[in-house]
Structures are given as C-alpha cells and as structure tokens.
Protein backbone atom coordinates (compact mmCIF):
# COMPACT_ATOMS: atom_id res chain seq x y z
CA MET A 1 79.86 103.20 101.65
CA LYS A 2 83.42 103.28 102.86
CA PRO A 3 86.01 104.29 100.20
CA LEU A 4 88.48 101.63 99.11
CA GLU A 5 92.00 101.84 100.47
CA LYS A 6 94.52 103.17 97.99
CA PRO A 7 96.89 100.34 97.00
CA GLU A 8 100.30 100.77 98.58
CA LEU A 9 102.08 98.49 96.08
CA ALA A 10 101.72 97.52 92.43
CA PHE A 11 102.05 93.90 91.33
CA GLY A 12 102.79 92.58 87.89
CA TYR A 13 104.18 89.85 85.70
CA ARG A 14 107.20 89.71 83.40
CA TYR A 15 106.95 87.10 80.69
CA THR A 16 108.09 86.17 77.18
CA SER A 17 105.69 85.60 74.30
CA SER A 18 106.81 84.74 70.76
CA GLY A 19 110.36 85.67 71.74
CA ASN A 20 109.40 89.15 73.01
CA SER A 21 109.71 90.23 76.64
CA HIS A 22 106.73 91.91 78.27
CA SER A 23 106.01 93.48 81.64
CA HIS A 24 102.47 94.25 82.79
CA ILE A 25 101.02 95.56 86.03
CA ILE A 26 97.94 93.68 87.26
CA HIS A 27 95.01 96.14 87.38
CA ASP A 28 92.68 93.76 89.19
CA TRP A 29 91.22 94.08 92.68
CA GLU A 30 92.02 90.42 93.41
CA VAL A 31 95.78 90.80 93.87
CA GLN A 32 95.35 93.94 95.97
CA GLU A 33 92.80 92.22 98.21
CA ALA A 34 95.06 89.18 98.47
CA HIS A 35 97.87 91.49 99.61
CA ARG A 36 95.62 93.06 102.28
CA GLN A 37 94.50 89.64 103.52
CA TYR A 38 98.06 88.30 103.52
CA LYS A 39 99.26 91.32 105.55
CA ARG A 40 96.61 90.54 108.17
CA ARG A 41 97.41 86.83 108.18
CA TYR A 42 101.21 86.75 107.70
CA GLY A 43 102.42 90.20 108.77
CA ASP A 44 105.98 90.90 107.62
CA GLN A 45 106.02 87.74 105.48
CA ALA A 46 103.02 88.82 103.37
CA ILE A 47 105.07 89.69 100.28
CA ASP A 48 106.94 86.38 100.39
CA LYS A 49 103.64 84.49 100.63
CA LEU A 50 102.12 86.57 97.82
CA VAL A 51 105.15 85.95 95.58
CA GLY A 52 104.87 82.24 96.35
CA GLU A 53 101.21 82.20 95.34
CA TYR A 54 101.24 84.55 92.33
CA GLY A 55 104.77 83.77 91.19
CA GLY A 56 104.90 80.08 92.00
CA HIS A 57 101.57 78.35 92.43
CA ILE A 58 99.19 80.28 90.13
CA PRO A 59 101.42 80.08 87.01
CA THR A 60 101.31 76.25 87.31
CA ARG A 61 97.51 76.33 86.95
CA ASN A 62 97.29 77.03 83.19
CA LEU A 63 97.46 80.81 83.71
CA HIS A 64 96.02 83.18 81.11
CA PHE A 65 95.99 86.97 81.30
CA ILE A 66 92.76 88.82 80.61
CA MET A 67 94.03 91.90 78.81
CA GLY A 68 92.36 95.22 78.14
CA THR A 69 93.03 98.88 77.47
CA MET A 70 91.96 102.19 78.97
CA ALA A 71 90.26 104.95 76.99
CA ALA A 72 93.14 107.35 77.67
CA HIS A 73 95.71 104.83 76.34
CA PRO A 74 93.92 102.64 73.76
CA ARG A 75 97.14 101.07 72.43
CA THR A 76 98.59 100.14 75.81
CA PHE A 77 97.41 96.78 77.11
CA ILE A 78 97.08 96.05 80.82
CA VAL A 79 96.26 92.89 82.76
CA ILE A 80 92.70 93.32 84.03
CA GLY A 81 92.32 89.79 85.34
CA LEU A 82 93.89 86.37 85.76
CA LEU A 83 92.26 83.21 84.48
CA ARG A 84 93.57 79.90 85.71
CA SER A 85 92.34 76.33 85.85
CA GLY A 86 93.46 72.93 87.00
CA PHE A 87 93.61 71.67 83.42
CA ASP A 88 97.02 70.54 82.21
CA PRO A 89 97.83 72.31 78.90
CA ALA A 90 99.59 69.17 77.62
CA GLU A 91 96.43 67.13 78.23
CA LEU A 92 94.27 69.76 76.53
CA ALA A 93 96.55 69.64 73.48
CA LYS A 94 95.73 65.93 73.08
CA GLN A 95 92.08 66.71 72.33
CA SER A 96 90.96 66.48 68.76
CA ASP A 97 89.77 69.59 66.96
CA LEU A 98 86.19 70.59 67.70
CA PHE A 99 85.59 71.71 64.10
CA ARG A 100 87.11 69.93 61.13
C-alpha cells in the first residue's frame, strides 16, 4: 500500500455555542481529500472553492459536528467528522415529541 500524503494545510471551524466562542480543527480525511481533489480540478482557486463549500454551502445543510477526543488529550475535543442533511431545522422543530 502507498502511504497517505501528509496534509499540507489544516482546516477548521470557528463557531459560537451558548454564547461561547469555539475553534476546532477538522480531523477527518474528507476535508483533506476534498482539498486534494479541488487542487487537481481548480488549481490556484482550490482554497476559494473549498471555503465556498465548507464555509458557505455545507453549513446551510443542517451541519452537526461529530466530536471526539484522543487518548493523549482526553479533555480536548476535536471534530472527527461532519454530519449534514437536507432537512431544514425549522421544519424539524415543528414535529411533535416522539415520547410524551
């Protein structure tokens, strides 16, 4: 097997939750592979396209972070994946409770 290329850049999100600011690097192969593919497809405009997708389009798709920790730093959370869907959060909020 051929070794994976070492990532040349780190990507992350800054966001606010319950009034607190957070900044997390994405430790997921998906964003690194997207960057590699975008470099092949778009050349010098790869970062702009990636920012448009991960900073513009994906957050509109009901984005949730899959968080985890590493054994060496059990109290430091990292983003290990991105979960998104086409569901509108406002529409989901209209559903009645599953358990009453």
